[in-house]
């Protein structure tokens, strides 16, 4: 049982270590694209704020789902 628990913890750590930089790069890339689009098309500049808000809510959902993984683990 301990071997399975170690493997699960290892996979969680690897997923977080690989996922966080990818999420951060994606967030920066999308926000940079939104800013460039806002400069090019001033009439739709408010959409960059909506994109930022949606990315923040997505990040919140990912973090809350990762934190709830340990809470629902059987004893």
Protein backbone atom coordinates (compact mmCIF):
# COMPACT_ATOMS: atom_id res chain seq x y z
CA UNK A 1 0.00 0.00 0.00
CA UNK A 2 2.83 2.39 0.80
CA UNK A 3 4.37 1.83 -2.64
CA UNK A 4 1.09 2.82 -4.30
CA UNK A 5 0.81 5.89 -2.07
CA UNK A 6 4.39 6.93 -2.93
CA UNK A 7 3.69 6.53 -6.63
CA UNK A 8 0.54 8.64 -6.32
CA UNK A 9 2.36 11.39 -4.45
CA UNK A 10 5.19 11.30 -6.99
CA UNK A 11 2.73 11.64 -9.88
CA UNK A 12 0.99 14.56 -8.17
CA UNK A 13 4.30 16.34 -7.65
CA UNK A 14 5.40 15.74 -11.25
CA UNK A 15 2.04 16.95 -12.56
CA UNK A 16 2.24 20.13 -10.51
CA UNK A 17 5.88 20.77 -11.42
CA UNK A 18 5.16 20.35 -15.12
CA UNK A 19 1.75 22.00 -15.11
CA UNK A 20 2.48 25.22 -13.26
CA UNK A 21 5.13 26.53 -15.69
CA UNK A 22 2.95 25.56 -18.64
CA UNK A 23 -0.02 27.35 -17.08
CA UNK A 24 2.08 30.43 -16.29
CA UNK A 25 3.51 30.58 -19.81
CA UNK A 26 0.07 30.12 -21.30
CA UNK A 27 -1.35 32.83 -19.09
CA UNK A 28 1.41 35.30 -19.99
CA UNK A 29 1.14 34.43 -23.68
CA UNK A 30 -2.62 34.88 -23.77
CA UNK A 31 -2.48 38.16 -21.89
CA UNK A 32 0.23 39.44 -24.21
CA UNK A 33 -1.90 38.52 -27.22
CA UNK A 34 -4.91 40.21 -25.64
CA UNK A 35 -2.92 43.39 -25.06
CA UNK A 36 -1.67 43.43 -28.65
CA UNK A 37 -5.22 42.93 -29.89
CA UNK A 38 -6.48 45.73 -27.63
CA UNK A 39 -3.89 48.11 -29.08
CA UNK A 40 -4.77 47.10 -32.64
CA UNK A 41 -8.55 47.22 -32.13
CA UNK A 42 -9.46 49.89 -29.61
CA UNK A 43 -13.19 49.24 -29.93
CA UNK A 44 -12.77 45.75 -28.43
CA UNK A 45 -10.16 46.61 -25.79
CA UNK A 46 -12.52 45.64 -22.96
CA UNK A 47 -12.26 42.00 -24.04
CA UNK A 48 -8.71 41.78 -22.66
CA UNK A 49 -10.11 42.36 -19.17
CA UNK A 50 -12.64 39.59 -19.70
CA UNK A 51 -9.86 37.27 -20.86
CA UNK A 52 -7.80 38.09 -17.78
CA UNK A 53 -10.78 37.46 -15.52
CA UNK A 54 -11.57 34.14 -17.18
CA UNK A 55 -7.94 32.98 -16.92
CA UNK A 56 -7.87 33.89 -13.22
CA UNK A 57 -11.06 31.95 -12.61
CA UNK A 58 -9.63 28.98 -14.51
CA UNK A 59 -6.49 29.11 -12.37
CA UNK A 60 -8.65 29.22 -9.24
CA UNK A 61 -10.60 26.15 -10.40
CA UNK A 62 -7.41 24.21 -11.10
CA UNK A 63 -5.90 25.06 -7.72
CA UNK A 64 -9.09 24.22 -5.83
CA UNK A 65 -9.46 20.90 -7.65
CA UNK A 66 -5.85 20.00 -6.86
CA UNK A 67 -6.32 20.84 -3.20
CA UNK A 68 -9.49 18.76 -3.01
CA UNK A 69 -7.68 15.64 -4.27
CA UNK A 70 -6.23 14.94 -0.85
CA UNK A 71 -9.52 15.53 0.93
CA UNK A 72 -11.41 12.84 -1.02
CA UNK A 73 -8.73 10.17 -0.72
CA UNK A 74 -9.96 7.04 1.10
CA UNK A 75 -8.29 6.26 4.40
